[in-house]
Structures are given as C-alpha cells and as structure tokens.
C-alpha cells in the first residue's frame, strides 16, 4: 500500500461537498440544459473513486451497490412503462418536467452505483 498523502486527503475532504452538489445540480437540471442522469451519476461516482484513492480502503459494499443498481433498473423500467401506458394519448404539459426529473434522478443514482461497482471490481478483483 502506498503512503497516504495528507494534502490529498485534506483537499479532497474539502471538495467532496462541492462535487456532490454539482452532481445533483447536473441531474436535476438535465431536462433544461445539457446533462442529466448519466453525466450527474458519473460525477457522483467520482466521489467514491476519489475516496478510495485518498484512503485505499473499501468503505462501501459492492454487493449492496450491485443490488441497488438492479433495483433501480427495475424501478426505472416500471416507472417509464406505467407513465407511458397511463398517458397513452397525450402527456399533460405540466407533468413532463416531473417525469424528466424523476427519470434523471433514477438514472443518475443507477449510473453512480454502476460506475462505482465497475471501479471497485477492477481495483479489488482484477488488479492481481
């Protein structure tokens, strides 16, 4: 194990909240500007990746993240299917932003879980 850099640990500790807020901002404003669930989820997963590089410890359960990702995928499919079948003829204008925000949030959390799982699997299991 390499030695921990105190400068990196303190700097990243101060930047975590800004990364999280920026990721949430990208997710919530994805229906109005470029960005959305995937981009915001990738930013949120960077918090887990940076945390690993500052501590070199696995502080998160890979199986829990994997299960959460699968559950979110199911919820994502069910929500989209129910919404489409409920408003088959036309979607009311006032519901479109809520639908898009909900889909962006679900996709963002799913992407954050998925990219974190991929990173931890490569680091912990494939780096032999």
N, C-alpha and C. Protein backbone atom coordinates (compact mmCIF):
# COMPACT_ATOMS: atom_id res chain seq x y z
N UNK A 1 0.83 -1.19 0.00
CA UNK A 1 0.00 0.00 0.00
C UNK A 1 0.87 1.26 0.00
N UNK A 2 0.56 2.17 -0.88
CA UNK A 2 1.28 3.45 -0.86
C UNK A 2 0.93 4.27 0.37
N UNK A 3 1.81 5.18 0.69
CA UNK A 3 1.55 6.08 1.81
C UNK A 3 0.45 7.05 1.46
N UNK A 4 -0.31 7.43 2.46
CA UNK A 4 -1.39 8.39 2.25
C UNK A 4 -0.82 9.80 2.19
N UNK A 5 -1.33 10.57 1.28
CA UNK A 5 -0.94 11.96 1.17
C UNK A 5 -1.90 12.80 1.99
N UNK A 6 -1.38 13.47 2.98
CA UNK A 6 -2.23 14.31 3.84
C UNK A 6 -2.81 15.48 3.04
N UNK A 7 -2.04 16.02 2.12
CA UNK A 7 -2.52 17.12 1.29
C UNK A 7 -3.71 16.67 0.44
N UNK A 8 -3.60 15.50 -0.17
CA UNK A 8 -4.69 14.96 -0.98
C UNK A 8 -5.92 14.68 -0.13
N UNK A 9 -5.72 14.13 1.05
CA UNK A 9 -6.84 13.80 1.93
C UNK A 9 -7.58 15.05 2.39
N UNK A 10 -6.85 16.09 2.78
CA UNK A 10 -7.49 17.32 3.25
C UNK A 10 -8.17 18.06 2.10
N UNK A 11 -7.51 18.12 0.96
CA UNK A 11 -8.08 18.81 -0.20
C UNK A 11 -9.34 18.13 -0.68
N UNK A 12 -9.29 16.82 -0.83
CA UNK A 12 -10.46 16.10 -1.31
C UNK A 12 -11.59 16.11 -0.27
N UNK A 13 -11.23 16.11 0.99
CA UNK A 13 -12.25 16.23 2.04
C UNK A 13 -13.00 17.54 1.96
N UNK A 14 -12.30 18.59 1.54
CA UNK A 14 -12.95 19.89 1.40
C UNK A 14 -13.75 19.99 0.11
N UNK A 15 -13.37 19.21 -0.90
CA UNK A 15 -14.03 19.30 -2.21
C UNK A 15 -15.23 18.37 -2.32
N UNK A 16 -15.33 17.32 -1.49
CA UNK A 16 -16.45 16.36 -1.57
C UNK A 16 -17.81 17.03 -1.66
N UNK A 17 -18.14 17.95 -0.74
CA UNK A 17 -19.49 18.54 -0.81
C UNK A 17 -19.76 19.27 -2.12
N UNK A 18 -18.75 19.91 -2.68
CA UNK A 18 -18.94 20.62 -3.94
C UNK A 18 -19.17 19.66 -5.10
N UNK A 19 -18.46 18.54 -5.09
CA UNK A 19 -18.66 17.53 -6.13
C UNK A 19 -20.07 16.95 -6.04
N UNK A 20 -20.52 16.67 -4.84
CA UNK A 20 -21.86 16.11 -4.64
C UNK A 20 -22.94 17.11 -5.08
N UNK A 21 -22.79 18.36 -4.68
CA UNK A 21 -23.77 19.38 -5.06
C UNK A 21 -23.76 19.59 -6.57
N UNK A 22 -22.59 19.58 -7.19
CA UNK A 22 -22.51 19.74 -8.64
C UNK A 22 -23.17 18.56 -9.36
N UNK A 23 -22.94 17.34 -8.88
CA UNK A 23 -23.57 16.17 -9.47
C UNK A 23 -25.08 16.22 -9.36
N UNK A 24 -25.58 16.62 -8.20
CA UNK A 24 -27.03 16.74 -8.01
C UNK A 24 -27.59 17.86 -8.89
N UNK A 25 -26.85 18.94 -9.03
CA UNK A 25 -27.29 20.04 -9.90
C UNK A 25 -27.40 19.58 -11.35
N UNK A 26 -26.42 18.84 -11.82
CA UNK A 26 -26.44 18.34 -13.20
C UNK A 26 -27.63 17.39 -13.39
N UNK A 27 -27.91 16.55 -12.42
CA UNK A 27 -29.04 15.62 -12.52
C UNK A 27 -30.36 16.37 -12.55
N UNK A 28 -30.54 17.30 -11.63
CA UNK A 28 -31.83 17.98 -11.52
C UNK A 28 -32.09 18.98 -12.64
N UNK A 29 -31.06 19.50 -13.27
CA UNK A 29 -31.25 20.45 -14.36
C UNK A 29 -31.03 19.83 -15.72
N UNK A 30 -31.01 18.50 -15.80
CA UNK A 30 -30.77 17.83 -17.06
C UNK A 30 -31.89 17.99 -18.06
N UNK A 31 -33.09 18.29 -17.60
CA UNK A 31 -34.20 18.48 -18.54
C UNK A 31 -34.23 19.89 -19.13
N UNK A 32 -33.41 20.79 -18.59
CA UNK A 32 -33.37 22.16 -19.09
C UNK A 32 -32.08 22.49 -19.83
N UNK A 33 -31.02 21.76 -19.56
CA UNK A 33 -29.72 22.08 -20.14
C UNK A 33 -29.01 20.77 -20.48
N UNK A 34 -27.88 20.85 -21.18
CA UNK A 34 -27.13 19.62 -21.44
C UNK A 34 -26.70 18.98 -20.13
N UNK A 35 -26.82 17.70 -20.07
CA UNK A 35 -26.51 16.97 -18.86
C UNK A 35 -27.67 16.06 -18.53
N UNK A 36 -27.73 15.60 -17.35
CA UNK A 36 -28.82 14.74 -16.94
C UNK A 36 -28.34 13.62 -16.08
N UNK A 37 -29.05 12.51 -16.16
CA UNK A 37 -28.79 11.39 -15.27
C UNK A 37 -27.43 10.77 -15.44
N UNK A 38 -27.02 10.51 -16.67
CA UNK A 38 -25.74 9.84 -16.87
C UNK A 38 -24.58 10.73 -16.43
N UNK A 39 -24.57 11.96 -16.86
CA UNK A 39 -23.47 12.86 -16.53
C UNK A 39 -23.41 13.12 -15.03
N UNK A 40 -24.56 13.38 -14.41
CA UNK A 40 -24.58 13.62 -12.97
C UNK A 40 -24.20 12.37 -12.18
N UNK A 41 -24.63 11.20 -12.65
CA UNK A 41 -24.25 9.95 -11.98
C UNK A 41 -22.76 9.70 -12.07
N UNK A 42 -22.16 10.02 -13.21
CA UNK A 42 -20.71 9.85 -13.34
C UNK A 42 -19.97 10.79 -12.39
N UNK A 43 -20.48 11.99 -12.22
CA UNK A 43 -19.86 12.94 -11.28
C UNK A 43 -20.01 12.43 -9.85
N UNK A 44 -21.18 11.91 -9.50
CA UNK A 44 -21.39 11.38 -8.15
C UNK A 44 -20.53 10.15 -7.88
N UNK A 45 -20.31 9.31 -8.88
CA UNK A 45 -19.47 8.14 -8.66
C UNK A 45 -18.01 8.54 -8.46
N UNK A 46 -17.63 9.69 -8.97
CA UNK A 46 -16.26 10.14 -8.76
C UNK A 46 -15.96 10.39 -7.28
N UNK A 47 -16.97 10.66 -6.50
CA UNK A 47 -16.76 10.83 -5.05
C UNK A 47 -16.26 9.52 -4.44
N UNK A 48 -16.87 8.39 -4.83
CA UNK A 48 -16.43 7.09 -4.31
C UNK A 48 -15.02 6.75 -4.79
N UNK A 49 -14.73 7.10 -6.03
CA UNK A 49 -13.41 6.81 -6.60
C UNK A 49 -12.34 7.65 -5.91
N UNK A 50 -12.61 8.93 -5.71
CA UNK A 50 -11.65 9.80 -5.02
C UNK A 50 -11.47 9.34 -3.58
N UNK A 51 -12.54 8.91 -2.94
CA UNK A 51 -12.43 8.43 -1.56
C UNK A 51 -11.52 7.22 -1.48
N UNK A 52 -11.62 6.33 -2.47
CA UNK A 52 -10.72 5.16 -2.46
C UNK A 52 -9.26 5.60 -2.61
N UNK A 53 -9.00 6.56 -3.49
CA UNK A 53 -7.62 7.00 -3.70
C UNK A 53 -7.05 7.76 -2.51
N UNK A 54 -7.90 8.35 -1.70
CA UNK A 54 -7.38 9.06 -0.53
C UNK A 54 -7.19 8.14 0.67
N UNK A 55 -7.94 7.04 0.75
CA UNK A 55 -7.83 6.16 1.92
C UNK A 55 -7.34 4.76 1.59
N UNK A 56 -7.44 4.31 0.35
CA UNK A 56 -7.09 2.96 -0.09
C UNK A 56 -7.85 1.89 0.68
N UNK A 57 -9.06 2.20 1.08
CA UNK A 57 -9.90 1.24 1.78
C UNK A 57 -11.22 1.09 1.04
N UNK A 58 -11.77 -0.10 1.12
CA UNK A 58 -13.09 -0.33 0.53
C UNK A 58 -14.11 -0.02 1.63
N UNK A 59 -14.69 1.15 1.59
CA UNK A 59 -15.63 1.57 2.63
C UNK A 59 -17.07 1.35 2.21
N UNK A 60 -17.26 0.74 1.05
CA UNK A 60 -18.61 0.57 0.52
C UNK A 60 -18.78 -0.89 0.12
N UNK A 61 -19.98 -1.39 0.28
CA UNK A 61 -20.27 -2.78 -0.05
C UNK A 61 -20.61 -2.89 -1.54
N UNK A 62 -19.82 -3.69 -2.24
CA UNK A 62 -20.05 -3.86 -3.67
C UNK A 62 -21.36 -4.58 -3.92
N UNK A 63 -21.68 -5.57 -3.09
CA UNK A 63 -22.93 -6.31 -3.28
C UNK A 63 -24.14 -5.42 -3.05
N UNK A 64 -24.05 -4.52 -2.06
CA UNK A 64 -25.17 -3.60 -1.81
C UNK A 64 -25.36 -2.64 -2.98
N UNK A 65 -24.25 -2.12 -3.52
CA UNK A 65 -24.35 -1.23 -4.68
C UNK A 65 -24.91 -1.97 -5.89
N UNK A 66 -24.49 -3.22 -6.07
CA UNK A 66 -24.96 -4.00 -7.20
C UNK A 66 -26.46 -4.28 -7.08
N UNK A 67 -26.92 -4.62 -5.87
CA UNK A 67 -28.35 -4.85 -5.65
C UNK A 67 -29.16 -3.57 -5.86
N UNK A 68 -28.63 -2.45 -5.35
CA UNK A 68 -29.31 -1.17 -5.52
C UNK A 68 -29.41 -0.80 -7.00
N UNK A 69 -28.36 -1.09 -7.75
CA UNK A 69 -28.39 -0.80 -9.19
C UNK A 69 -29.46 -1.62 -9.89
N UNK A 70 -29.57 -2.89 -9.54
CA UNK A 70 -30.58 -3.76 -10.16
C UNK A 70 -31.99 -3.31 -9.79
N UNK A 71 -32.18 -2.94 -8.53
CA UNK A 71 -33.50 -2.46 -8.10
C UNK A 71 -33.86 -1.17 -8.82
N UNK A 72 -32.91 -0.27 -8.95
CA UNK A 72 -33.16 0.99 -9.65
C UNK A 72 -33.47 0.76 -11.12
N UNK A 73 -32.84 -0.21 -11.72
CA UNK A 73 -33.14 -0.54 -13.12
C UNK A 73 -34.58 -1.01 -13.26
N UNK A 74 -35.01 -1.85 -12.33
CA UNK A 74 -36.40 -2.32 -12.35
C UNK A 74 -37.37 -1.17 -12.12
N UNK A 75 -37.09 -0.30 -11.16
CA UNK A 75 -37.95 0.85 -10.88
C UNK A 75 -37.98 1.79 -12.09
N UNK A 76 -36.86 1.97 -12.72
CA UNK A 76 -36.77 2.82 -13.90
C UNK A 76 -37.66 2.29 -15.02
N UNK A 77 -37.57 1.01 -15.29
CA UNK A 77 -38.41 0.41 -16.33
C UNK A 77 -39.89 0.46 -15.98
N UNK A 78 -40.21 0.15 -14.73
CA UNK A 78 -41.61 0.18 -14.31
C UNK A 78 -42.19 1.59 -14.37
N UNK A 79 -41.44 2.57 -13.90
CA UNK A 79 -41.92 3.95 -13.91
C UNK A 79 -42.17 4.43 -15.33
N UNK A 80 -41.23 4.16 -16.23
CA UNK A 80 -41.40 4.60 -17.62
C UNK A 80 -42.58 3.88 -18.27
N UNK A 81 -42.71 2.59 -18.03
CA UNK A 81 -43.80 1.82 -18.63
C UNK A 81 -45.16 2.28 -18.12
N UNK A 82 -45.26 2.46 -16.82
CA UNK A 82 -46.53 2.91 -16.24
C UNK A 82 -46.88 4.31 -16.73
N UNK A 83 -45.91 5.18 -16.80
CA UNK A 83 -46.16 6.55 -17.26
C UNK A 83 -46.61 6.56 -18.71
N UNK A 84 -45.98 5.75 -19.53
CA UNK A 84 -46.35 5.72 -20.96
C UNK A 84 -47.75 5.15 -21.14
N UNK A 85 -48.06 4.08 -20.42
CA UNK A 85 -49.39 3.49 -20.57
C UNK A 85 -50.49 4.33 -19.92
N UNK A 86 -50.15 5.07 -18.88
CA UNK A 86 -51.15 5.92 -18.23
C UNK A 86 -51.53 7.10 -19.11
N UNK A 87 -50.57 7.63 -19.84
CA UNK A 87 -50.82 8.79 -20.70
C UNK A 87 -50.54 8.41 -22.15
N UNK A 88 -51.23 7.41 -22.62
CA UNK A 88 -51.00 6.88 -23.96
C UNK A 88 -51.30 7.92 -25.04
N UNK A 89 -52.40 8.64 -24.88
CA UNK A 89 -52.81 9.58 -25.92
C UNK A 89 -51.95 10.84 -25.93
N UNK A 90 -51.87 11.50 -24.79
CA UNK A 90 -51.03 12.69 -24.71
C UNK A 90 -50.63 12.93 -23.27
N UNK A 91 -49.41 13.35 -23.10
CA UNK A 91 -48.88 13.64 -21.77
C UNK A 91 -49.21 15.09 -21.44
N UNK A 92 -49.86 15.33 -20.30
CA UNK A 92 -50.14 16.73 -19.92
C UNK A 92 -48.85 17.53 -19.79
N UNK A 93 -48.90 18.76 -20.25
CA UNK A 93 -47.71 19.60 -20.30
C UNK A 93 -47.09 19.81 -18.92
N UNK A 94 -47.92 19.92 -17.88
CA UNK A 94 -47.38 20.20 -16.54
C UNK A 94 -46.70 18.98 -15.93
N UNK A 95 -46.91 17.78 -16.47
CA UNK A 95 -46.27 16.58 -15.92
C UNK A 95 -44.92 16.26 -16.56
N UNK A 96 -44.64 16.83 -17.71
CA UNK A 96 -43.39 16.50 -18.41
C UNK A 96 -42.13 16.81 -17.60
N UNK A 97 -42.01 17.98 -16.98
CA UNK A 97 -40.79 18.23 -16.19
C UNK A 97 -40.64 17.27 -15.02
N UNK A 98 -41.74 16.92 -14.35
CA UNK A 98 -41.66 15.99 -13.22
C UNK A 98 -41.23 14.60 -13.68
N UNK A 99 -41.75 14.19 -14.83
CA UNK A 99 -41.35 12.90 -15.39
C UNK A 99 -39.86 12.90 -15.72
N UNK A 100 -39.39 13.96 -16.37
CA UNK A 100 -37.99 14.02 -16.76
C UNK A 100 -37.06 14.11 -15.55
N UNK A 101 -37.44 14.87 -14.55
CA UNK A 101 -36.62 14.98 -13.35
C UNK A 101 -36.54 13.64 -12.64
N UNK A 102 -37.69 12.95 -12.52
CA UNK A 102 -37.71 11.64 -11.87
C UNK A 102 -36.84 10.64 -12.62
N UNK A 103 -36.95 10.65 -13.94
CA UNK A 103 -36.13 9.74 -14.74
C UNK A 103 -34.64 10.08 -14.60
N UNK A 104 -34.30 11.36 -14.59
CA UNK A 104 -32.90 11.76 -14.42
C UNK A 104 -32.35 11.34 -13.07
N UNK A 105 -33.15 11.48 -12.02
CA UNK A 105 -32.70 11.08 -10.68
C UNK A 105 -32.47 9.58 -10.63
N UNK A 106 -33.42 8.80 -11.15
CA UNK A 106 -33.26 7.35 -11.15
C UNK A 106 -32.04 6.92 -11.97
N UNK A 107 -31.88 7.51 -13.14
CA UNK A 107 -30.72 7.18 -13.99
C UNK A 107 -29.42 7.61 -13.33
N UNK A 108 -29.42 8.79 -12.69
CA UNK A 108 -28.21 9.29 -12.04
C UNK A 108 -27.75 8.39 -10.91
N UNK A 109 -28.67 7.95 -10.08
CA UNK A 109 -28.29 7.06 -8.97
C UNK A 109 -27.84 5.71 -9.51
N UNK A 110 -28.53 5.22 -10.54
CA UNK A 110 -28.14 3.94 -11.13
C UNK A 110 -26.75 4.01 -11.75
N UNK A 111 -26.46 5.07 -12.46
CA UNK A 111 -25.14 5.23 -13.08
C UNK A 111 -24.06 5.38 -12.01
N UNK A 112 -24.35 6.13 -10.95
CA UNK A 112 -23.37 6.29 -9.87
C UNK A 112 -23.05 4.94 -9.24
N UNK A 113 -24.08 4.13 -9.00
CA UNK A 113 -23.86 2.79 -8.44
C UNK A 113 -23.08 1.92 -9.42
N UNK A 114 -23.48 1.93 -10.68
CA UNK A 114 -22.84 1.08 -11.68
C UNK A 114 -21.38 1.41 -11.90
N UNK A 115 -21.06 2.68 -12.04
CA UNK A 115 -19.67 3.06 -12.26
C UNK A 115 -18.81 2.79 -11.03
N UNK A 116 -19.38 2.96 -9.85
CA UNK A 116 -18.64 2.65 -8.62
C UNK A 116 -18.36 1.16 -8.52
N UNK A 117 -19.35 0.33 -8.87
CA UNK A 117 -19.16 -1.12 -8.86
C UNK A 117 -18.07 -1.52 -9.86
N UNK A 118 -18.12 -0.95 -11.05
CA UNK A 118 -17.11 -1.27 -12.06
C UNK A 118 -15.72 -0.89 -11.56
N UNK A 119 -15.59 0.29 -10.97
CA UNK A 119 -14.30 0.73 -10.47
C UNK A 119 -13.79 -0.20 -9.37
N UNK A 120 -14.63 -0.48 -8.37
CA UNK A 120 -14.20 -1.33 -7.26
C UNK A 120 -13.90 -2.76 -7.72
N UNK A 121 -14.64 -3.27 -8.68
CA UNK A 121 -14.35 -4.62 -9.18
C UNK A 121 -12.98 -4.64 -9.86
N UNK A 122 -12.68 -3.64 -10.66
CA UNK A 122 -11.38 -3.61 -11.32
C UNK A 122 -10.25 -3.43 -10.31
N UNK A 123 -10.44 -2.57 -9.34
CA UNK A 123 -9.38 -2.30 -8.38
C UNK A 123 -9.16 -3.48 -7.44
N UNK A 124 -10.24 -4.05 -6.93
CA UNK A 124 -10.09 -5.08 -5.90
C UNK A 124 -9.93 -6.50 -6.45
N UNK A 125 -10.56 -6.79 -7.58
CA UNK A 125 -10.55 -8.18 -8.04
C UNK A 125 -9.74 -8.40 -9.31
N UNK A 126 -9.64 -7.41 -10.16
CA UNK A 126 -8.97 -7.60 -11.44
C UNK A 126 -7.55 -7.08 -11.46
N UNK A 127 -7.08 -6.51 -10.38
CA UNK A 127 -5.75 -5.91 -10.38
C UNK A 127 -4.67 -6.86 -9.88
N UNK A 128 -4.89 -8.14 -9.98
CA UNK A 128 -3.90 -9.11 -9.49
C UNK A 128 -2.77 -9.29 -10.44
